Amino acid sequence: MIIGVVSDTHVGGRIKSLPKELLDGLRGVDLIIHAGDILKDFVIYELEEIAPVEAVAGNNDDYYMQHKLGVKKIINAGKFKIGITHGYGGVNALKKTMATFARDSVDCVVFGHSHAPYNERIDGVLYVNPGSPTDKRFQKQYSYALLKVDDSGISAEIKYF
């Protein structure tokens, strides 16, 4: 199973649409995870044209989006559990994300907020931040991630454009 992972798309303000490079890179995935800061519903609908979508709201999503999607979710991918949250905070963002799922038995945690790609395994849990495909902030390139899930485990690859 291949899962596309995006976060911090921020479409609806100065950013008007999802980039072609992202949409092309997601074609053929089995599922898409969006880790928040979606802003507009049509982003989810556009991604659903490619694959089913699991999403949580981020700090820039309105009350309606937060109520509809929630801010924390755990999904099954094969025999593995993936936690999804947007995340928050500055230098302690990873620690806060880890604390969010400390009482849950997850194999992978997908988060966003920082717009900075991250792909590390800590104490047996894979932590993945796909960065942002629309707002690179201090990064050199836009990014998203692909998760590969099979019987042997979960791995991630950050894709840059």
N, C-alpha and C. Protein backbone atom coordinates (compact mmCIF):
# COMPACT_ATOMS: atom_id res chain seq x y z
N MET A 1 0.84 -1.18 0.00
CA MET A 1 0.00 0.00 0.00
C MET A 1 0.89 1.24 0.00
N ILE A 2 0.57 2.19 -0.86
CA ILE A 2 1.28 3.47 -0.90
C ILE A 2 0.31 4.56 -0.47
N ILE A 3 0.76 5.38 0.48
CA ILE A 3 -0.06 6.47 1.03
C ILE A 3 0.64 7.79 0.73
N GLY A 4 -0.08 8.69 0.09
CA GLY A 4 0.42 10.04 -0.13
C GLY A 4 0.17 10.87 1.12
N VAL A 5 1.13 11.69 1.50
CA VAL A 5 1.02 12.49 2.72
C VAL A 5 1.29 13.95 2.39
N VAL A 6 0.33 14.80 2.74
CA VAL A 6 0.47 16.24 2.54
C VAL A 6 0.06 16.98 3.80
N SER A 7 0.51 18.20 3.91
CA SER A 7 0.11 19.07 5.02
C SER A 7 0.33 20.51 4.59
N ASP A 8 -0.30 21.41 5.31
CA ASP A 8 -0.04 22.85 5.13
C ASP A 8 -0.17 23.30 3.68
N THR A 9 -1.29 22.92 3.05
CA THR A 9 -1.52 23.36 1.68
C THR A 9 -1.98 24.81 1.64
N HIS A 10 -2.68 25.28 2.65
CA HIS A 10 -3.07 26.70 2.76
C HIS A 10 -3.73 27.24 1.49
N VAL A 11 -4.49 26.41 0.79
CA VAL A 11 -5.14 26.86 -0.43
C VAL A 11 -6.40 27.64 -0.07
N GLY A 12 -6.54 28.81 -0.66
CA GLY A 12 -7.72 29.63 -0.43
C GLY A 12 -7.38 31.07 -0.13
N GLY A 13 -6.18 31.32 0.31
CA GLY A 13 -5.74 32.69 0.53
C GLY A 13 -4.95 33.13 -0.69
N ARG A 14 -3.68 33.42 -0.47
CA ARG A 14 -2.83 33.83 -1.60
C ARG A 14 -2.50 32.65 -2.50
N ILE A 15 -2.64 31.43 -1.97
CA ILE A 15 -2.40 30.21 -2.76
C ILE A 15 -3.75 29.76 -3.31
N LYS A 16 -3.86 29.68 -4.61
CA LYS A 16 -5.16 29.45 -5.25
C LYS A 16 -5.45 27.99 -5.58
N SER A 17 -4.42 27.16 -5.73
CA SER A 17 -4.67 25.77 -6.12
C SER A 17 -3.51 24.88 -5.72
N LEU A 18 -3.78 23.58 -5.71
CA LEU A 18 -2.72 22.61 -5.46
C LEU A 18 -1.81 22.53 -6.67
N PRO A 19 -0.50 22.43 -6.46
CA PRO A 19 0.42 22.39 -7.60
C PRO A 19 0.32 21.09 -8.39
N LYS A 20 0.53 21.21 -9.69
CA LYS A 20 0.50 20.06 -10.60
C LYS A 20 1.51 19.00 -10.17
N GLU A 21 2.69 19.43 -9.70
CA GLU A 21 3.72 18.48 -9.28
C GLU A 21 3.23 17.59 -8.15
N LEU A 22 2.47 18.16 -7.23
CA LEU A 22 1.89 17.38 -6.14
C LEU A 22 0.85 16.41 -6.68
N LEU A 23 -0.09 16.91 -7.44
CA LEU A 23 -1.17 16.07 -7.95
C LEU A 23 -0.62 14.92 -8.80
N ASP A 24 0.35 15.22 -9.65
CA ASP A 24 0.97 14.16 -10.47
C ASP A 24 1.69 13.14 -9.59
N GLY A 25 2.37 13.61 -8.55
CA GLY A 25 3.10 12.72 -7.66
C GLY A 25 2.22 11.81 -6.82
N LEU A 26 0.97 12.24 -6.61
CA LEU A 26 0.04 11.44 -5.81
C LEU A 26 -0.75 10.43 -6.65
N ARG A 27 -0.74 10.58 -7.95
CA ARG A 27 -1.52 9.66 -8.80
C ARG A 27 -1.03 8.23 -8.59
N GLY A 28 -2.00 7.34 -8.35
CA GLY A 28 -1.67 5.93 -8.15
C GLY A 28 -1.56 5.52 -6.69
N VAL A 29 -1.61 6.47 -5.75
CA VAL A 29 -1.56 6.08 -4.34
C VAL A 29 -2.88 5.44 -3.94
N ASP A 30 -2.85 4.68 -2.86
CA ASP A 30 -4.05 4.00 -2.37
C ASP A 30 -4.86 4.85 -1.40
N LEU A 31 -4.20 5.82 -0.78
CA LEU A 31 -4.83 6.67 0.24
C LEU A 31 -4.02 7.95 0.31
N ILE A 32 -4.68 9.05 0.68
CA ILE A 32 -3.99 10.32 0.92
C ILE A 32 -4.30 10.76 2.34
N ILE A 33 -3.26 11.14 3.07
CA ILE A 33 -3.40 11.73 4.41
C ILE A 33 -3.08 13.21 4.29
N HIS A 34 -3.97 14.05 4.83
CA HIS A 34 -3.71 15.50 4.90
C HIS A 34 -3.65 15.87 6.38
N ALA A 35 -2.51 16.41 6.81
CA ALA A 35 -2.28 16.72 8.23
C ALA A 35 -2.61 18.17 8.59
N GLY A 36 -3.58 18.76 7.92
CA GLY A 36 -4.12 20.04 8.37
C GLY A 36 -3.58 21.28 7.70
N ASP A 37 -4.23 22.39 8.05
CA ASP A 37 -4.08 23.68 7.38
C ASP A 37 -4.48 23.53 5.91
N ILE A 38 -5.71 23.05 5.77
CA ILE A 38 -6.33 22.79 4.47
C ILE A 38 -6.95 24.08 3.93
N LEU A 39 -7.69 24.77 4.78
CA LEU A 39 -8.39 26.04 4.57
C LEU A 39 -9.69 25.91 3.80
N LYS A 40 -9.72 25.26 2.67
CA LYS A 40 -10.93 25.18 1.85
C LYS A 40 -11.29 23.73 1.55
N ASP A 41 -12.60 23.42 1.66
CA ASP A 41 -13.11 22.06 1.41
C ASP A 41 -12.70 21.52 0.05
N PHE A 42 -12.64 22.38 -0.96
CA PHE A 42 -12.39 21.88 -2.31
C PHE A 42 -11.03 21.20 -2.43
N VAL A 43 -10.12 21.48 -1.50
CA VAL A 43 -8.82 20.80 -1.49
C VAL A 43 -9.03 19.30 -1.26
N ILE A 44 -9.87 18.98 -0.27
CA ILE A 44 -10.19 17.57 0.02
C ILE A 44 -10.86 16.94 -1.19
N TYR A 45 -11.82 17.63 -1.79
CA TYR A 45 -12.53 17.08 -2.95
C TYR A 45 -11.58 16.82 -4.11
N GLU A 46 -10.64 17.73 -4.32
CA GLU A 46 -9.67 17.55 -5.40
C GLU A 46 -8.77 16.34 -5.14
N LEU A 47 -8.35 16.18 -3.90
CA LEU A 47 -7.52 15.02 -3.54
C LEU A 47 -8.32 13.72 -3.65
N GLU A 48 -9.61 13.78 -3.31
CA GLU A 48 -10.46 12.58 -3.39
C GLU A 48 -10.65 12.09 -4.82
N GLU A 49 -10.38 12.93 -5.80
CA GLU A 49 -10.43 12.49 -7.19
C GLU A 49 -9.27 11.54 -7.50
N ILE A 50 -8.23 11.57 -6.64
CA ILE A 50 -7.06 10.71 -6.82
C ILE A 50 -7.19 9.45 -5.97
N ALA A 51 -7.56 9.61 -4.70
CA ALA A 51 -7.66 8.47 -3.76
C ALA A 51 -8.49 8.91 -2.56
N PRO A 52 -8.97 7.95 -1.76
CA PRO A 52 -9.66 8.32 -0.52
C PRO A 52 -8.74 9.18 0.36
N VAL A 53 -9.34 10.07 1.15
CA VAL A 53 -8.57 11.01 1.97
C VAL A 53 -8.94 10.86 3.44
N GLU A 54 -7.92 10.82 4.28
CA GLU A 54 -8.07 10.93 5.74
C GLU A 54 -7.41 12.24 6.11
N ALA A 55 -8.10 13.09 6.86
CA ALA A 55 -7.55 14.41 7.17
C ALA A 55 -7.91 14.85 8.58
N VAL A 56 -7.07 15.73 9.11
CA VAL A 56 -7.35 16.43 10.36
C VAL A 56 -7.23 17.92 10.09
N ALA A 57 -7.79 18.71 10.97
CA ALA A 57 -7.72 20.16 10.84
C ALA A 57 -6.43 20.69 11.47
N GLY A 58 -5.99 21.82 10.97
CA GLY A 58 -4.82 22.50 11.52
C GLY A 58 -5.20 23.80 12.20
N ASN A 59 -4.22 24.50 12.72
CA ASN A 59 -4.47 25.73 13.46
C ASN A 59 -5.02 26.86 12.60
N ASN A 60 -4.84 26.80 11.28
CA ASN A 60 -5.38 27.82 10.40
C ASN A 60 -6.73 27.44 9.80
N ASP A 61 -7.22 26.25 10.10
CA ASP A 61 -8.53 25.84 9.62
C ASP A 61 -9.61 26.40 10.53
N ASP A 62 -10.74 26.76 9.94
CA ASP A 62 -11.81 27.40 10.71
C ASP A 62 -12.54 26.39 11.61
N TYR A 63 -13.44 26.92 12.42
CA TYR A 63 -14.19 26.10 13.37
C TYR A 63 -14.93 24.97 12.66
N TYR A 64 -15.55 25.29 11.53
CA TYR A 64 -16.29 24.28 10.78
C TYR A 64 -15.38 23.10 10.40
N MET A 65 -14.20 23.41 9.88
CA MET A 65 -13.26 22.37 9.47
C MET A 65 -12.77 21.58 10.69
N GLN A 66 -12.49 22.27 11.78
CA GLN A 66 -12.03 21.59 12.99
C GLN A 66 -13.10 20.67 13.54
N HIS A 67 -14.35 21.14 13.51
CA HIS A 67 -15.46 20.31 14.00
C HIS A 67 -15.69 19.10 13.09
N LYS A 68 -15.60 19.32 11.79
CA LYS A 68 -15.85 18.26 10.81
C LYS A 68 -14.75 17.19 10.84
N LEU A 69 -13.49 17.62 10.92
CA LEU A 69 -12.37 16.68 10.78
C LEU A 69 -11.73 16.26 12.09
N GLY A 70 -11.82 17.11 13.12
CA GLY A 70 -11.11 16.84 14.36
C GLY A 70 -9.64 17.21 14.22
N VAL A 71 -8.91 17.10 15.32
CA VAL A 71 -7.50 17.49 15.32
C VAL A 71 -6.56 16.31 15.57
N LYS A 72 -7.12 15.15 15.82
CA LYS A 72 -6.33 13.94 16.05
C LYS A 72 -7.11 12.76 15.52
N LYS A 73 -6.40 11.86 14.86
CA LYS A 73 -7.06 10.69 14.29
C LYS A 73 -6.06 9.55 14.27
N ILE A 74 -6.56 8.32 14.43
CA ILE A 74 -5.74 7.12 14.26
C ILE A 74 -6.43 6.25 13.23
N ILE A 75 -5.68 5.86 12.20
CA ILE A 75 -6.24 5.02 11.15
C ILE A 75 -5.45 3.72 11.06
N ASN A 76 -6.07 2.71 10.48
CA ASN A 76 -5.39 1.44 10.23
C ASN A 76 -4.89 1.42 8.79
N ALA A 77 -3.67 0.95 8.62
CA ALA A 77 -3.09 0.74 7.29
C ALA A 77 -2.49 -0.66 7.32
N GLY A 78 -3.22 -1.61 6.76
CA GLY A 78 -2.80 -3.00 6.92
C GLY A 78 -2.85 -3.35 8.39
N LYS A 79 -1.78 -3.95 8.90
CA LYS A 79 -1.74 -4.33 10.31
C LYS A 79 -1.15 -3.22 11.19
N PHE A 80 -0.93 -2.05 10.62
CA PHE A 80 -0.28 -0.96 11.34
C PHE A 80 -1.25 0.18 11.65
N LYS A 81 -0.92 0.95 12.68
CA LYS A 81 -1.73 2.10 13.07
C LYS A 81 -0.94 3.38 12.81
N ILE A 82 -1.62 4.34 12.17
CA ILE A 82 -1.00 5.63 11.86
C ILE A 82 -1.77 6.72 12.59
N GLY A 83 -1.07 7.49 13.40
CA GLY A 83 -1.66 8.64 14.06
C GLY A 83 -1.49 9.86 13.17
N ILE A 84 -2.51 10.71 13.16
CA ILE A 84 -2.47 11.93 12.35
C ILE A 84 -2.85 13.12 13.23
N THR A 85 -2.04 14.16 13.20
CA THR A 85 -2.35 15.42 13.87
C THR A 85 -1.65 16.53 13.11
N HIS A 86 -2.08 17.75 13.34
CA HIS A 86 -1.40 18.86 12.67
C HIS A 86 -0.12 19.23 13.41
N GLY A 87 -0.20 19.27 14.71
CA GLY A 87 0.94 19.70 15.51
C GLY A 87 0.86 21.19 15.79
N TYR A 88 1.69 21.63 16.69
CA TYR A 88 1.73 23.04 17.07
C TYR A 88 3.02 23.31 17.82
N GLY A 89 3.34 24.57 17.95
CA GLY A 89 4.53 24.94 18.71
C GLY A 89 5.74 25.14 17.83
N GLY A 90 6.75 25.71 18.41
CA GLY A 90 7.99 26.00 17.69
C GLY A 90 9.02 24.92 17.87
N VAL A 91 10.05 25.20 18.66
CA VAL A 91 11.16 24.26 18.82
C VAL A 91 10.74 22.96 19.49
N ASN A 92 9.66 22.97 20.23
CA ASN A 92 9.20 21.76 20.92
C ASN A 92 8.08 21.04 20.17
N ALA A 93 7.88 21.36 18.91
CA ALA A 93 6.77 20.79 18.14
C ALA A 93 6.83 19.26 18.09
N LEU A 94 8.00 18.70 17.86
CA LEU A 94 8.10 17.24 17.80
C LEU A 94 7.76 16.62 19.14
N LYS A 95 8.27 17.18 20.23
CA LYS A 95 7.96 16.66 21.57
C LYS A 95 6.46 16.73 21.84
N LYS A 96 5.82 17.81 21.43
CA LYS A 96 4.37 17.94 21.63
C LYS A 96 3.61 16.92 20.78
N THR A 97 4.09 16.69 19.57
CA THR A 97 3.46 15.69 18.71
C THR A 97 3.62 14.30 19.32
N MET A 98 4.80 14.00 19.83
CA MET A 98 5.02 12.70 20.48
C MET A 98 4.10 12.55 21.69
N ALA A 99 3.92 13.61 22.45
CA ALA A 99 3.05 13.56 23.64
C ALA A 99 1.59 13.34 23.25
N THR A 100 1.19 13.85 22.09
CA THR A 100 -0.19 13.69 21.62
C THR A 100 -0.56 12.22 21.48
N PHE A 101 0.41 11.39 21.09
CA PHE A 101 0.14 9.97 20.87
C PHE A 101 0.83 9.06 21.89
N ALA A 102 1.29 9.63 22.99
CA ALA A 102 2.05 8.86 23.99
C ALA A 102 1.26 7.69 24.57
N ARG A 103 -0.04 7.84 24.67
CA ARG A 103 -0.87 6.77 25.26
C ARG A 103 -1.51 5.87 24.21
N ASP A 104 -1.20 6.12 22.97
CA ASP A 104 -1.76 5.33 21.88
C ASP A 104 -0.68 4.41 21.32
N SER A 105 -1.08 3.25 20.91
CA SER A 105 -0.14 2.31 20.32
C SER A 105 -0.14 2.51 18.81
N VAL A 106 0.74 3.41 18.34
CA VAL A 106 0.82 3.69 16.90
C VAL A 106 2.20 3.30 16.38
N ASP A 107 2.23 3.00 15.10
CA ASP A 107 3.48 2.63 14.44
C ASP A 107 4.10 3.81 13.69
N CYS A 108 3.26 4.77 13.37
CA CYS A 108 3.70 5.94 12.60
C CYS A 108 2.85 7.13 13.03
N VAL A 109 3.45 8.31 13.05
CA VAL A 109 2.72 9.55 13.31
C VAL A 109 3.00 10.52 12.17
N VAL A 110 1.93 11.00 11.56
CA VAL A 110 2.02 12.02 10.52
C VAL A 110 1.62 13.35 11.13
N PHE A 111 2.44 14.38 10.92
CA PHE A 111 2.13 15.70 11.47
C PHE A 111 2.61 16.77 10.50
N GLY A 112 2.25 18.01 10.77
CA GLY A 112 2.63 19.12 9.90
C GLY A 112 3.02 20.33 10.72
N HIS A 113 2.46 21.47 10.37
CA HIS A 113 2.58 22.76 11.05
C HIS A 113 3.86 23.52 10.74
N SER A 114 5.00 22.88 10.80
CA SER A 114 6.27 23.59 10.66
C SER A 114 6.65 23.89 9.20
N HIS A 115 6.03 23.21 8.27
CA HIS A 115 6.37 23.28 6.84
C HIS A 115 7.77 22.72 6.57
N ALA A 116 8.35 22.06 7.56
CA ALA A 116 9.70 21.50 7.43
C ALA A 116 9.61 19.98 7.35
N PRO A 117 10.08 19.37 6.27
CA PRO A 117 10.03 17.92 6.15
C PRO A 117 10.81 17.23 7.27
N TYR A 118 10.26 16.10 7.71
CA TYR A 118 10.89 15.33 8.79
C TYR A 118 10.55 13.87 8.57
N ASN A 119 11.53 12.98 8.73
CA ASN A 119 11.33 11.55 8.51
C ASN A 119 12.31 10.80 9.40
N GLU A 120 11.89 10.47 10.60
CA GLU A 120 12.77 9.80 11.56
C GLU A 120 11.98 8.78 12.38
N ARG A 121 12.67 7.71 12.74
CA ARG A 121 12.08 6.70 13.63
C ARG A 121 12.66 6.93 15.02
N ILE A 122 11.76 7.08 16.00
CA ILE A 122 12.16 7.31 17.39
C ILE A 122 11.45 6.28 18.25
N ASP A 123 12.22 5.50 18.99
CA ASP A 123 11.66 4.46 19.87
C ASP A 123 10.66 3.58 19.13
N GLY A 124 10.99 3.22 17.90
CA GLY A 124 10.16 2.30 17.13
C GLY A 124 8.99 2.93 16.40
N VAL A 125 8.77 4.23 16.57
CA VAL A 125 7.66 4.93 15.90
C VAL A 125 8.24 5.83 14.81
N LEU A 126 7.67 5.74 13.61
CA LEU A 126 8.10 6.58 12.50
C LEU A 126 7.35 7.90 12.56
N TYR A 127 8.07 9.01 12.60
CA TYR A 127 7.48 10.35 12.62
C TYR A 127 7.74 11.00 11.26
N VAL A 128 6.65 11.43 10.61
CA VAL A 128 6.76 11.98 9.27
C VAL A 128 6.03 13.31 9.18
N ASN A 129 6.76 14.33 8.80
CA ASN A 129 6.18 15.62 8.45
C ASN A 129 6.51 15.82 6.97
N PRO A 130 5.48 15.93 6.12
CA PRO A 130 5.74 16.03 4.69
C PRO A 130 6.24 17.40 4.23
N GLY A 131 6.29 18.37 5.13
CA GLY A 131 6.59 19.73 4.70
C GLY A 131 5.36 20.33 4.05
N SER A 132 5.53 21.23 3.12
CA SER A 132 4.40 21.86 2.44
C SER A 132 4.63 21.89 0.93
N PRO A 133 3.58 21.55 0.16
CA PRO A 133 3.71 21.62 -1.29
C PRO A 133 3.41 23.01 -1.86
N THR A 134 3.07 23.96 -0.98
CA THR A 134 2.66 25.28 -1.46
C THR A 134 3.35 26.44 -0.75
N ASP A 135 3.94 26.20 0.41
CA ASP A 135 4.55 27.29 1.19
C ASP A 135 5.81 26.75 1.87
N LYS A 136 6.95 26.91 1.20
CA LYS A 136 8.17 26.27 1.69
C LYS A 136 8.84 27.02 2.84
N ARG A 137 8.36 28.21 3.16
CA ARG A 137 8.96 29.02 4.23
C ARG A 137 10.47 29.05 4.11
N PHE A 138 11.18 28.45 5.04
CA PHE A 138 12.65 28.50 5.02
C PHE A 138 13.28 27.29 4.34
N GLN A 139 12.46 26.46 3.70
CA GLN A 139 12.98 25.28 3.01
C GLN A 139 13.40 25.66 1.59
N LYS A 140 14.27 24.87 1.00
CA LYS A 140 14.73 25.15 -0.36
C LYS A 140 13.71 24.73 -1.42
N GLN A 141 12.89 23.70 -1.09
CA GLN A 141 11.95 23.18 -2.07
C GLN A 141 10.61 22.88 -1.41
N TYR A 142 9.58 22.79 -2.24
CA TYR A 142 8.27 22.32 -1.79
C TYR A 142 8.38 20.82 -1.59
N SER A 143 7.44 20.25 -0.81
CA SER A 143 7.55 18.81 -0.55
C SER A 143 6.23 18.18 -0.14
N TYR A 144 6.20 16.87 -0.24
CA TYR A 144 5.15 15.99 0.26
C TYR A 144 5.85 14.68 0.57
N ALA A 145 5.12 13.69 1.04
CA ALA A 145 5.75 12.41 1.38
C ALA A 145 4.93 11.24 0.83
N LEU A 146 5.60 10.12 0.69
CA LEU A 146 4.95 8.86 0.36
C LEU A 146 5.30 7.85 1.45
N LEU A 147 4.28 7.21 1.99
CA LEU A 147 4.48 6.11 2.93
C LEU A 147 4.30 4.81 2.19
N LYS A 148 5.19 3.87 2.43
CA LYS A 148 5.05 2.52 1.89
C LYS A 148 4.72 1.61 3.06
N VAL A 149 3.59 0.92 2.96
CA VAL A 149 3.15 0.02 4.02
C VAL A 149 3.05 -1.38 3.43
N ASP A 150 3.80 -2.31 4.02
CA ASP A 150 3.69 -3.72 3.63
C ASP A 150 3.84 -4.57 4.89
N ASP A 151 3.86 -5.87 4.73
CA ASP A 151 3.92 -6.76 5.90
C ASP A 151 5.15 -6.53 6.76
N SER A 152 6.21 -6.01 6.17
CA SER A 152 7.45 -5.82 6.93
C SER A 152 7.48 -4.51 7.72
N GLY A 153 6.58 -3.58 7.41
CA GLY A 153 6.56 -2.34 8.17
C GLY A 153 6.13 -1.14 7.35
N ILE A 154 6.45 0.05 7.90
CA ILE A 154 6.13 1.32 7.26
C ILE A 154 7.43 2.09 7.04
N SER A 155 7.58 2.62 5.85
CA SER A 155 8.73 3.48 5.56
C SER A 155 8.21 4.73 4.87
N ALA A 156 9.01 5.79 4.90
CA ALA A 156 8.59 7.05 4.29
C ALA A 156 9.69 7.61 3.41
N GLU A 157 9.27 8.32 2.39
CA GLU A 157 10.19 9.04 1.52
C GLU A 157 9.64 10.44 1.31
N ILE A 158 10.46 11.44 1.57
CA ILE A 158 10.08 12.82 1.29
C ILE A 158 10.35 13.09 -0.18
N LYS A 159 9.37 13.66 -0.86
CA LYS A 159 9.50 13.98 -2.29
C LYS A 159 9.58 15.50 -2.43
N TYR A 160 10.57 15.98 -3.14
CA TYR A 160 10.81 17.41 -3.30
C TYR A 160 10.55 17.85 -4.74
N PHE A 161 10.10 19.09 -4.87
CA PHE A 161 9.96 19.68 -6.21
C PHE A 161 10.13 21.19 -6.12
